Amino acid sequence: PPVHDPDCSSTLSDMIDHPPSVSEPPASEMPTKQSPYHPYPNKNSFSLGNWYWNQIQKSQEDFQKLLNIIGNLGFTPCDVQSTPWNAINKVLGRNDFDEEDNRWEWEDEDAGWRRTRVTLDDPFHSRMQNPGTKPHVIGDLYHRSIVSVLKEKLANSVDDSYLHYEPYELSWSPTGSQDDGV
C-alpha cells in the first residue's frame, strides 16, 4: 500500500488552470502609467468607479458614501476630469475571448469544446401588441465532455503528478485511541 499522501504538498493554485491575463486597450484610450488601481489611473478615479459600480440602485447611504469620497481632503477634481471612463468600463466588462486576436482554447473545436447558443423565452402580456413568448438569445455556453477533460489531464505529465493511481487511506485518531480510517 502507498505510504505517502500525494496531496500533502498541493495548493489550490496548483489545481487551477489560470486563464491568460486581460490585455490592455490601445494606449490612446488608457493612461500609459500602470497604477495600483488599474485600470483606473489614480485613487480618486478608482473610488468613484467603485462607488458607481458597487450597487445597481443607489440609496441615501450610497449618496453619503459619494459625499465622503468627494469631500475627502485628498480628493482632487482634476484627477477624475480626464479619466477615460468609457475605456475603463470596456476593460472591466471585457472577456479575453471577446477579442479576435486572443482566442481561447475553447473556441478551438479540435480541443473538444462546443458552443451552444442559450435562448430564453421572454413572456409578453396578453394585452400587448404582440402577446406570447418571444425567444431572446442571452449568449453562448462553452462546454466540453467530462471524458475528454479526464483524457487530457491523464495525458498531461504536469497534471498527471496530481492524480492518484494507488488508493491512499488517511487515518486519524484522537490521542490515546486506535486508528480509525477517515
N, C-alpha and C. Protein backbone atom coordinates (compact mmCIF):
# COMPACT_ATOMS: atom_id res chain seq x y z
N PRO A 1 0.83 -1.20 0.00
CA PRO A 1 0.00 0.00 0.00
C PRO A 1 0.87 1.26 0.00
N PRO A 2 0.35 2.37 -0.51
CA PRO A 2 1.10 3.62 -0.53
C PRO A 2 1.41 4.08 0.89
N VAL A 3 2.55 4.75 1.02
CA VAL A 3 2.96 5.22 2.33
C VAL A 3 3.00 6.74 2.42
N HIS A 4 2.55 7.43 1.39
CA HIS A 4 2.54 8.89 1.43
C HIS A 4 1.21 9.43 0.91
N ASP A 5 0.92 10.66 1.31
CA ASP A 5 -0.29 11.35 0.85
C ASP A 5 0.10 12.21 -0.35
N PRO A 6 -0.36 11.89 -1.56
CA PRO A 6 0.05 12.64 -2.75
C PRO A 6 -0.41 14.10 -2.74
N ASP A 7 -1.40 14.44 -1.91
CA ASP A 7 -1.88 15.81 -1.87
C ASP A 7 -1.21 16.66 -0.79
N CYS A 8 -0.28 16.10 -0.05
CA CYS A 8 0.25 16.82 1.11
C CYS A 8 0.94 18.12 0.74
N SER A 9 1.52 18.23 -0.44
CA SER A 9 2.20 19.48 -0.81
C SER A 9 1.45 20.27 -1.87
N SER A 10 0.22 19.89 -2.19
CA SER A 10 -0.57 20.60 -3.20
C SER A 10 -1.27 21.80 -2.61
N THR A 11 -1.34 22.85 -3.40
CA THR A 11 -2.13 24.02 -3.02
C THR A 11 -3.25 24.19 -4.03
N LEU A 12 -4.21 25.03 -3.70
CA LEU A 12 -5.33 25.26 -4.61
C LEU A 12 -4.85 25.79 -5.95
N SER A 13 -3.86 26.70 -5.94
CA SER A 13 -3.39 27.27 -7.21
C SER A 13 -2.72 26.23 -8.10
N ASP A 14 -2.21 25.13 -7.50
CA ASP A 14 -1.65 24.06 -8.32
C ASP A 14 -2.71 23.34 -9.13
N MET A 15 -3.95 23.40 -8.69
CA MET A 15 -5.02 22.63 -9.32
C MET A 15 -5.92 23.46 -10.23
N ILE A 16 -5.60 24.74 -10.42
CA ILE A 16 -6.44 25.62 -11.22
C ILE A 16 -5.72 25.97 -12.51
N ASP A 17 -6.45 25.86 -13.61
CA ASP A 17 -5.92 26.34 -14.88
C ASP A 17 -6.12 27.83 -14.92
N HIS A 18 -5.04 28.59 -14.95
CA HIS A 18 -5.14 30.05 -14.94
C HIS A 18 -5.34 30.57 -16.35
N PRO A 19 -6.41 31.36 -16.58
CA PRO A 19 -6.61 31.93 -17.92
C PRO A 19 -5.59 33.03 -18.17
N PRO A 20 -5.34 33.36 -19.44
CA PRO A 20 -4.42 34.45 -19.72
C PRO A 20 -4.95 35.76 -19.15
N SER A 21 -4.04 36.68 -18.85
CA SER A 21 -4.46 37.95 -18.27
C SER A 21 -5.14 38.82 -19.33
N VAL A 22 -5.96 39.74 -18.87
CA VAL A 22 -6.69 40.63 -19.77
C VAL A 22 -5.71 41.57 -20.43
N SER A 23 -5.77 41.68 -21.76
CA SER A 23 -4.86 42.57 -22.47
C SER A 23 -5.33 44.01 -22.34
N GLU A 24 -4.41 44.91 -22.50
CA GLU A 24 -4.69 46.33 -22.35
C GLU A 24 -5.36 46.88 -23.61
N PRO A 25 -6.21 47.90 -23.46
CA PRO A 25 -6.76 48.58 -24.64
C PRO A 25 -5.66 49.42 -25.30
N PRO A 26 -5.93 49.98 -26.45
CA PRO A 26 -4.92 50.81 -27.11
C PRO A 26 -4.42 51.91 -26.18
N ALA A 27 -3.14 52.25 -26.33
CA ALA A 27 -2.52 53.24 -25.44
C ALA A 27 -3.24 54.58 -25.49
N SER A 28 -3.86 54.90 -26.63
CA SER A 28 -4.56 56.18 -26.74
C SER A 28 -5.77 56.25 -25.83
N GLU A 29 -6.31 55.09 -25.44
CA GLU A 29 -7.51 55.07 -24.61
C GLU A 29 -7.21 55.05 -23.12
N MET A 30 -6.05 54.57 -22.73
CA MET A 30 -5.74 54.40 -21.32
C MET A 30 -4.48 55.16 -20.95
N PRO A 31 -4.36 55.52 -19.67
CA PRO A 31 -3.13 56.17 -19.22
C PRO A 31 -1.96 55.22 -19.43
N THR A 32 -0.80 55.78 -19.79
CA THR A 32 0.36 54.94 -20.05
C THR A 32 1.00 54.44 -18.76
N LYS A 33 0.81 55.16 -17.67
CA LYS A 33 1.41 54.74 -16.39
C LYS A 33 0.55 53.65 -15.76
N GLN A 34 1.15 52.51 -15.47
CA GLN A 34 0.44 51.43 -14.79
C GLN A 34 0.28 51.80 -13.32
N SER A 35 -0.96 51.81 -12.83
CA SER A 35 -1.19 52.21 -11.44
C SER A 35 -1.64 51.03 -10.61
N PRO A 36 -1.51 51.11 -9.28
CA PRO A 36 -2.02 50.02 -8.45
C PRO A 36 -3.54 49.94 -8.47
N TYR A 37 -4.20 50.93 -9.07
CA TYR A 37 -5.66 50.95 -9.15
C TYR A 37 -6.14 50.56 -10.55
N HIS A 38 -5.29 49.91 -11.30
CA HIS A 38 -5.58 49.55 -12.68
C HIS A 38 -6.95 48.87 -12.80
N PRO A 39 -7.77 49.21 -13.75
CA PRO A 39 -7.50 50.06 -14.91
C PRO A 39 -7.69 51.55 -14.66
N TYR A 40 -7.97 51.93 -13.44
CA TYR A 40 -8.12 53.35 -13.11
C TYR A 40 -6.74 53.99 -12.99
N PRO A 41 -6.60 55.25 -13.40
CA PRO A 41 -5.28 55.89 -13.35
C PRO A 41 -4.86 56.35 -11.96
N ASN A 42 -5.81 56.53 -11.03
CA ASN A 42 -5.45 57.04 -9.70
C ASN A 42 -6.51 56.64 -8.68
N LYS A 43 -6.23 56.91 -7.42
CA LYS A 43 -7.11 56.50 -6.33
C LYS A 43 -8.48 57.18 -6.41
N ASN A 44 -8.51 58.46 -6.76
CA ASN A 44 -9.79 59.18 -6.83
C ASN A 44 -10.70 58.60 -7.91
N SER A 45 -10.14 58.27 -9.06
CA SER A 45 -10.92 57.66 -10.13
C SER A 45 -11.41 56.27 -9.70
N PHE A 46 -10.53 55.52 -9.02
CA PHE A 46 -10.92 54.21 -8.53
C PHE A 46 -12.07 54.33 -7.53
N SER A 47 -11.98 55.28 -6.61
CA SER A 47 -13.03 55.45 -5.59
C SER A 47 -14.38 55.77 -6.23
N LEU A 48 -14.38 56.66 -7.22
CA LEU A 48 -15.64 56.99 -7.90
C LEU A 48 -16.17 55.80 -8.70
N GLY A 49 -15.28 55.11 -9.40
CA GLY A 49 -15.69 53.94 -10.17
C GLY A 49 -16.25 52.85 -9.25
N ASN A 50 -15.60 52.64 -8.13
CA ASN A 50 -16.06 51.65 -7.16
C ASN A 50 -17.43 52.04 -6.61
N TRP A 51 -17.61 53.31 -6.32
CA TRP A 51 -18.91 53.78 -5.83
C TRP A 51 -19.98 53.55 -6.89
N TYR A 52 -19.68 53.88 -8.14
CA TYR A 52 -20.67 53.76 -9.21
C TYR A 52 -21.07 52.31 -9.45
N TRP A 53 -20.09 51.39 -9.51
CA TRP A 53 -20.38 50.01 -9.87
C TRP A 53 -20.78 49.14 -8.68
N ASN A 54 -20.65 49.64 -7.46
CA ASN A 54 -20.88 48.82 -6.27
C ASN A 54 -22.33 48.40 -6.09
N GLN A 55 -23.28 49.24 -6.42
CA GLN A 55 -24.70 48.92 -6.24
C GLN A 55 -25.46 49.34 -7.49
N ILE A 56 -26.46 48.55 -7.85
CA ILE A 56 -27.27 48.89 -9.03
C ILE A 56 -28.17 50.08 -8.72
N GLN A 57 -28.90 50.00 -7.62
CA GLN A 57 -29.76 51.11 -7.21
C GLN A 57 -29.06 51.86 -6.08
N LYS A 58 -29.04 53.16 -6.20
CA LYS A 58 -28.38 53.98 -5.19
C LYS A 58 -29.37 54.37 -4.10
N SER A 59 -28.85 54.43 -2.88
CA SER A 59 -29.66 54.80 -1.73
C SER A 59 -29.10 56.06 -1.10
N GLN A 60 -29.75 56.53 -0.06
CA GLN A 60 -29.23 57.68 0.69
C GLN A 60 -27.86 57.35 1.28
N GLU A 61 -27.70 56.11 1.72
CA GLU A 61 -26.40 55.68 2.26
C GLU A 61 -25.32 55.74 1.18
N ASP A 62 -25.67 55.32 -0.05
CA ASP A 62 -24.72 55.39 -1.16
C ASP A 62 -24.38 56.84 -1.49
N PHE A 63 -25.37 57.71 -1.43
CA PHE A 63 -25.13 59.12 -1.69
C PHE A 63 -24.17 59.69 -0.63
N GLN A 64 -24.33 59.26 0.60
CA GLN A 64 -23.43 59.70 1.67
C GLN A 64 -22.00 59.22 1.39
N LYS A 65 -21.89 57.99 0.87
CA LYS A 65 -20.56 57.48 0.50
C LYS A 65 -19.93 58.34 -0.58
N LEU A 66 -20.74 58.76 -1.55
CA LEU A 66 -20.23 59.65 -2.60
C LEU A 66 -19.75 60.96 -2.01
N LEU A 67 -20.53 61.53 -1.11
CA LEU A 67 -20.13 62.78 -0.46
C LEU A 67 -18.83 62.60 0.32
N ASN A 68 -18.66 61.45 0.94
CA ASN A 68 -17.42 61.18 1.67
C ASN A 68 -16.23 61.10 0.72
N ILE A 69 -16.45 60.55 -0.47
CA ILE A 69 -15.36 60.46 -1.46
C ILE A 69 -14.95 61.85 -1.93
N ILE A 70 -15.94 62.63 -2.38
CA ILE A 70 -15.58 63.94 -2.94
C ILE A 70 -15.28 64.98 -1.86
N GLY A 71 -15.70 64.71 -0.62
CA GLY A 71 -15.39 65.63 0.48
C GLY A 71 -14.08 65.33 1.16
N ASN A 72 -13.43 64.23 0.78
CA ASN A 72 -12.15 63.85 1.37
C ASN A 72 -11.10 64.90 1.00
N LEU A 73 -10.23 65.23 1.95
CA LEU A 73 -9.20 66.24 1.69
C LEU A 73 -8.25 65.83 0.57
N GLY A 74 -8.10 64.52 0.34
CA GLY A 74 -7.21 64.05 -0.71
C GLY A 74 -7.86 64.01 -2.09
N PHE A 75 -9.16 64.34 -2.16
CA PHE A 75 -9.85 64.30 -3.45
C PHE A 75 -9.52 65.55 -4.26
N THR A 76 -9.10 65.33 -5.50
CA THR A 76 -8.79 66.43 -6.41
C THR A 76 -9.61 66.25 -7.68
N PRO A 77 -10.49 67.20 -7.99
CA PRO A 77 -11.33 67.05 -9.19
C PRO A 77 -10.54 66.82 -10.48
N CYS A 78 -9.37 67.43 -10.59
CA CYS A 78 -8.61 67.26 -11.84
C CYS A 78 -8.16 65.80 -12.02
N ASP A 79 -8.12 65.01 -10.93
CA ASP A 79 -7.76 63.60 -11.05
C ASP A 79 -8.80 62.81 -11.84
N VAL A 80 -10.06 63.25 -11.78
CA VAL A 80 -11.13 62.48 -12.42
C VAL A 80 -11.66 63.13 -13.69
N GLN A 81 -11.31 64.38 -13.94
CA GLN A 81 -11.82 65.06 -15.13
C GLN A 81 -11.33 64.44 -16.42
N SER A 82 -10.07 63.96 -16.43
CA SER A 82 -9.52 63.40 -17.67
C SER A 82 -9.51 61.87 -17.66
N THR A 83 -10.19 61.27 -16.70
CA THR A 83 -10.25 59.81 -16.64
C THR A 83 -11.03 59.27 -17.83
N PRO A 84 -10.45 58.32 -18.58
CA PRO A 84 -11.15 57.75 -19.74
C PRO A 84 -12.19 56.71 -19.30
N TRP A 85 -13.32 57.18 -18.80
CA TRP A 85 -14.33 56.30 -18.21
C TRP A 85 -14.82 55.22 -19.16
N ASN A 86 -15.08 55.57 -20.41
CA ASN A 86 -15.58 54.58 -21.37
C ASN A 86 -14.55 53.47 -21.61
N ALA A 87 -13.28 53.85 -21.71
CA ALA A 87 -12.23 52.85 -21.93
C ALA A 87 -12.09 51.95 -20.70
N ILE A 88 -12.20 52.53 -19.52
CA ILE A 88 -12.11 51.74 -18.28
C ILE A 88 -13.28 50.76 -18.20
N ASN A 89 -14.47 51.23 -18.53
CA ASN A 89 -15.65 50.36 -18.48
C ASN A 89 -15.52 49.21 -19.48
N LYS A 90 -14.90 49.48 -20.63
CA LYS A 90 -14.68 48.40 -21.61
C LYS A 90 -13.73 47.36 -21.05
N VAL A 91 -12.67 47.81 -20.37
CA VAL A 91 -11.72 46.87 -19.77
C VAL A 91 -12.41 46.03 -18.70
N LEU A 92 -13.22 46.68 -17.85
CA LEU A 92 -13.90 45.97 -16.78
C LEU A 92 -14.94 44.98 -17.30
N GLY A 93 -15.55 45.28 -18.43
CA GLY A 93 -16.60 44.42 -18.96
C GLY A 93 -16.16 43.44 -20.01
N ARG A 94 -14.89 43.48 -20.37
CA ARG A 94 -14.40 42.64 -21.47
C ARG A 94 -13.96 41.27 -20.97
N ASN A 95 -14.19 40.28 -21.80
CA ASN A 95 -13.66 38.94 -21.59
C ASN A 95 -12.54 38.73 -22.59
N ASP A 96 -11.54 37.95 -22.22
CA ASP A 96 -10.43 37.70 -23.14
C ASP A 96 -10.91 37.10 -24.46
N PHE A 97 -11.95 36.28 -24.41
CA PHE A 97 -12.38 35.61 -25.63
C PHE A 97 -13.22 36.52 -26.52
N ASP A 98 -13.46 37.77 -26.10
CA ASP A 98 -14.20 38.70 -26.93
C ASP A 98 -13.34 39.25 -28.07
N GLU A 99 -12.03 39.15 -27.95
CA GLU A 99 -11.14 39.72 -28.94
C GLU A 99 -10.74 38.66 -29.97
N GLU A 100 -10.75 39.06 -31.23
CA GLU A 100 -10.44 38.13 -32.31
C GLU A 100 -9.02 37.60 -32.22
N ASP A 101 -8.05 38.46 -31.86
CA ASP A 101 -6.66 38.04 -31.84
C ASP A 101 -6.27 37.32 -30.56
N ASN A 102 -7.22 37.13 -29.66
CA ASN A 102 -6.92 36.49 -28.38
C ASN A 102 -7.91 35.34 -28.15
N ARG A 103 -7.89 34.36 -29.03
CA ARG A 103 -8.83 33.25 -28.95
C ARG A 103 -8.42 32.28 -27.86
N TRP A 104 -9.37 31.87 -27.07
CA TRP A 104 -9.12 30.87 -26.04
C TRP A 104 -9.21 29.49 -26.63
N GLU A 105 -8.70 28.53 -25.91
CA GLU A 105 -8.72 27.14 -26.37
C GLU A 105 -10.14 26.68 -26.63
N TRP A 106 -11.11 27.17 -25.87
CA TRP A 106 -12.47 26.65 -26.03
C TRP A 106 -13.10 27.02 -27.35
N GLU A 107 -12.49 27.97 -28.06
CA GLU A 107 -13.00 28.28 -29.38
C GLU A 107 -12.43 27.34 -30.43
N ASP A 108 -11.51 26.49 -30.00
CA ASP A 108 -10.88 25.55 -30.90
C ASP A 108 -11.66 24.24 -30.85
N GLU A 109 -12.38 23.96 -31.93
CA GLU A 109 -13.21 22.76 -31.95
C GLU A 109 -12.37 21.49 -31.88
N ASP A 110 -11.09 21.56 -32.29
CA ASP A 110 -10.22 20.40 -32.21
C ASP A 110 -9.94 20.00 -30.76
N ALA A 111 -10.06 20.94 -29.83
CA ALA A 111 -9.81 20.65 -28.42
C ALA A 111 -11.05 20.05 -27.76
N GLY A 112 -12.12 19.87 -28.50
CA GLY A 112 -13.31 19.22 -27.96
C GLY A 112 -14.35 20.18 -27.39
N TRP A 113 -14.08 21.47 -27.45
CA TRP A 113 -15.05 22.44 -26.93
C TRP A 113 -16.20 22.61 -27.91
N ARG A 114 -17.39 22.76 -27.36
CA ARG A 114 -18.57 23.01 -28.19
C ARG A 114 -19.22 24.29 -27.71
N ARG A 115 -19.79 24.99 -28.63
CA ARG A 115 -20.51 26.22 -28.30
C ARG A 115 -21.99 26.00 -28.55
N THR A 116 -22.79 26.31 -27.54
CA THR A 116 -24.23 26.18 -27.67
C THR A 116 -24.86 27.53 -27.37
N ARG A 117 -25.67 28.01 -28.28
CA ARG A 117 -26.38 29.27 -28.08
C ARG A 117 -27.46 29.07 -27.03
N VAL A 118 -27.53 29.95 -26.05
CA VAL A 118 -28.51 29.85 -24.97
C VAL A 118 -29.64 30.84 -25.25
N THR A 119 -30.85 30.34 -25.33
CA THR A 119 -32.02 31.17 -25.64
C THR A 119 -33.07 30.98 -24.54
N LEU A 120 -33.65 32.08 -24.11
CA LEU A 120 -34.75 32.04 -23.15
C LEU A 120 -35.98 32.66 -23.80
N ASP A 121 -37.15 32.16 -23.44
CA ASP A 121 -38.39 32.73 -23.94
C ASP A 121 -38.86 33.82 -23.00
N ASP A 122 -38.95 35.05 -23.53
CA ASP A 122 -39.45 36.18 -22.74
C ASP A 122 -40.96 36.25 -22.89
N PRO A 123 -41.69 36.27 -21.78
CA PRO A 123 -43.15 36.36 -21.87
C PRO A 123 -43.62 37.81 -22.06
N PHE A 124 -44.62 37.99 -22.91
CA PHE A 124 -45.22 39.30 -23.11
C PHE A 124 -46.70 39.19 -22.77
N HIS A 125 -47.19 40.17 -22.04
CA HIS A 125 -48.56 40.18 -21.53
C HIS A 125 -49.58 40.06 -22.66
N SER A 126 -50.73 39.47 -22.35
CA SER A 126 -51.76 39.23 -23.36
C SER A 126 -52.35 40.52 -23.92
N ARG A 127 -52.21 41.63 -23.20
CA ARG A 127 -52.74 42.91 -23.69
C ARG A 127 -51.73 43.70 -24.53
N MET A 128 -50.55 43.16 -24.71
CA MET A 128 -49.54 43.85 -25.53
C MET A 128 -49.85 43.63 -27.00
N GLN A 129 -49.22 44.42 -27.84
CA GLN A 129 -49.47 44.35 -29.27
C GLN A 129 -49.12 42.96 -29.82
N ASN A 130 -48.01 42.37 -29.36
CA ASN A 130 -47.60 41.03 -29.78
C ASN A 130 -47.47 40.14 -28.53
N PRO A 131 -48.60 39.60 -28.03
CA PRO A 131 -48.54 38.80 -26.80
C PRO A 131 -47.88 37.44 -27.04
N GLY A 132 -47.58 36.77 -25.94
CA GLY A 132 -46.98 35.44 -26.01
C GLY A 132 -45.52 35.48 -25.62
N THR A 133 -44.80 34.47 -26.03
CA THR A 133 -43.38 34.42 -25.71
C THR A 133 -42.56 34.65 -26.96
N LYS A 134 -41.44 35.33 -26.77
CA LYS A 134 -40.51 35.59 -27.87
C LYS A 134 -39.13 35.11 -27.42
N PRO A 135 -38.42 34.41 -28.30
CA PRO A 135 -37.08 33.93 -27.93
C PRO A 135 -36.09 35.09 -27.81
N HIS A 136 -35.24 35.00 -26.80
CA HIS A 136 -34.21 36.02 -26.57
C HIS A 136 -32.88 35.31 -26.36
N VAL A 137 -31.91 35.58 -27.23
CA VAL A 137 -30.59 34.96 -27.11
C VAL A 137 -29.82 35.70 -26.02
N ILE A 138 -29.37 34.95 -24.99
CA ILE A 138 -28.64 35.60 -23.90
C ILE A 138 -27.14 35.39 -23.99
N GLY A 139 -26.69 34.53 -24.86
CA GLY A 139 -25.25 34.33 -25.01
C GLY A 139 -24.92 32.91 -25.42
N ASP A 140 -23.63 32.61 -25.35
CA ASP A 140 -23.15 31.30 -25.73
C ASP A 140 -22.61 30.58 -24.51
N LEU A 141 -22.84 29.29 -24.45
CA LEU A 141 -22.30 28.45 -23.40
C LEU A 141 -21.23 27.56 -24.03
N TYR A 142 -20.02 27.62 -23.50
CA TYR A 142 -18.94 26.78 -23.97
C TYR A 142 -18.85 25.58 -23.04
N HIS A 143 -18.86 24.38 -23.60
CA HIS A 143 -18.85 23.19 -22.77
C HIS A 143 -18.03 22.10 -23.45
N ARG A 144 -17.67 21.13 -22.64
CA ARG A 144 -16.82 20.05 -23.11
C ARG A 144 -17.18 18.78 -22.38
N SER A 145 -17.01 17.66 -23.01
CA SER A 145 -17.29 16.37 -22.40
C SER A 145 -16.35 16.13 -21.23
N ILE A 146 -16.88 15.63 -20.11
CA ILE A 146 -16.04 15.33 -18.94
C ILE A 146 -15.03 14.24 -19.28
N VAL A 147 -15.38 13.35 -20.17
CA VAL A 147 -14.45 12.28 -20.58
C VAL A 147 -13.25 12.89 -21.30
N SER A 148 -13.48 13.88 -22.18
CA SER A 148 -12.35 14.49 -22.89
C SER A 148 -11.46 15.28 -21.93
N VAL A 149 -12.05 15.88 -20.90
CA VAL A 149 -11.26 16.61 -19.89
C VAL A 149 -10.37 15.63 -19.13
N LEU A 150 -10.95 14.51 -18.71
CA LEU A 150 -10.17 13.50 -17.98
C LEU A 150 -9.05 12.92 -18.85
N LYS A 151 -9.34 12.64 -20.11
CA LYS A 151 -8.31 12.11 -21.01
C LYS A 151 -7.16 13.11 -21.16
N GLU A 152 -7.49 14.39 -21.30
CA GLU A 152 -6.45 15.40 -21.44
C GLU A 152 -5.59 15.48 -20.18
N LYS A 153 -6.22 15.45 -19.01
CA LYS A 153 -5.47 15.52 -17.76
C LYS A 153 -4.58 14.30 -17.58
N LEU A 154 -5.07 13.13 -17.95
CA LEU A 154 -4.27 11.91 -17.81
C LEU A 154 -3.08 11.91 -18.77
N ALA A 155 -3.21 12.55 -19.91
CA ALA A 155 -2.14 12.58 -20.90
C ALA A 155 -1.10 13.66 -20.62
N ASN A 156 -1.41 14.60 -19.74
CA ASN A 156 -0.50 15.71 -19.44
C ASN A 156 0.39 15.32 -18.27
N SER A 157 1.71 15.30 -18.50
CA SER A 157 2.64 14.85 -17.45
C SER A 157 2.67 15.80 -16.25
N VAL A 158 2.44 17.08 -16.46
CA VAL A 158 2.42 18.02 -15.34
C VAL A 158 1.20 17.78 -14.46
N ASP A 159 0.02 17.68 -15.09
CA ASP A 159 -1.21 17.43 -14.33
C ASP A 159 -1.22 16.02 -13.75
N ASP A 160 -0.57 15.10 -14.43
CA ASP A 160 -0.55 13.72 -14.01
C ASP A 160 0.03 13.55 -12.60
N SER A 161 0.96 14.41 -12.22
CA SER A 161 1.60 14.28 -10.90
C SER A 161 0.61 14.51 -9.76
N TYR A 162 -0.53 15.12 -10.05
CA TYR A 162 -1.54 15.39 -9.02
C TYR A 162 -2.62 14.31 -8.93
N LEU A 163 -2.53 13.31 -9.80
CA LEU A 163 -3.55 12.28 -9.82
C LEU A 163 -3.14 11.10 -8.94
N HIS A 164 -4.11 10.41 -8.41
CA HIS A 164 -3.88 9.26 -7.53
C HIS A 164 -4.14 7.99 -8.32
N TYR A 165 -3.11 7.18 -8.46
CA TYR A 165 -3.28 5.90 -9.14
C TYR A 165 -3.35 4.75 -8.15
N GLU A 166 -2.88 4.98 -6.94
CA GLU A 166 -2.94 3.97 -5.90
C GLU A 166 -3.83 4.50 -4.79
N PRO A 167 -4.67 3.67 -4.24
CA PRO A 167 -5.50 4.16 -3.14
C PRO A 167 -4.63 4.56 -1.95
N TYR A 168 -5.05 5.56 -1.25
CA TYR A 168 -4.33 6.02 -0.07
C TYR A 168 -5.35 6.27 1.02
N GLU A 169 -5.12 5.70 2.18
CA GLU A 169 -6.06 5.88 3.28
C GLU A 169 -5.41 6.76 4.33
N LEU A 170 -6.03 7.89 4.58
CA LEU A 170 -5.56 8.80 5.60
C LEU A 170 -6.27 8.46 6.89
N SER A 171 -5.54 8.16 7.93
CA SER A 171 -6.13 7.77 9.20
C SER A 171 -5.94 8.85 10.24
N TRP A 172 -6.92 8.98 11.09
CA TRP A 172 -6.86 9.94 12.18
C TRP A 172 -7.41 9.30 13.43
N SER A 173 -6.83 9.64 14.53
CA SER A 173 -7.38 9.15 15.79
C SER A 173 -7.08 10.16 16.88
N PRO A 174 -8.02 10.34 17.78
CA PRO A 174 -7.73 11.22 18.91
C PRO A 174 -6.66 10.57 19.78
N THR A 175 -6.00 11.39 20.55
CA THR A 175 -4.91 10.90 21.39
C THR A 175 -5.41 9.76 22.29
N GLY A 176 -4.64 8.66 22.30
CA GLY A 176 -4.95 7.53 23.18
C GLY A 176 -5.96 6.54 22.64
N SER A 177 -6.38 6.64 21.38
CA SER A 177 -7.33 5.66 20.86
C SER A 177 -6.74 5.00 19.63
N GLN A 178 -7.41 3.98 19.12
CA GLN A 178 -6.91 3.27 17.95
C GLN A 178 -7.22 4.06 16.69
N ASP A 179 -6.42 3.81 15.62
CA ASP A 179 -6.63 4.50 14.34
C ASP A 179 -7.96 4.12 13.72
N ASP A 180 -8.68 5.11 13.26
CA ASP A 180 -9.90 4.90 12.52
C ASP A 180 -9.71 5.48 11.14
N GLY A 181 -10.01 4.73 10.09
CA GLY A 181 -9.90 5.24 8.74
C GLY A 181 -10.90 6.37 8.52
N VAL A 182 -10.46 7.42 7.90
CA VAL A 182 -11.33 8.57 7.66
C VAL A 182 -11.64 8.66 6.19
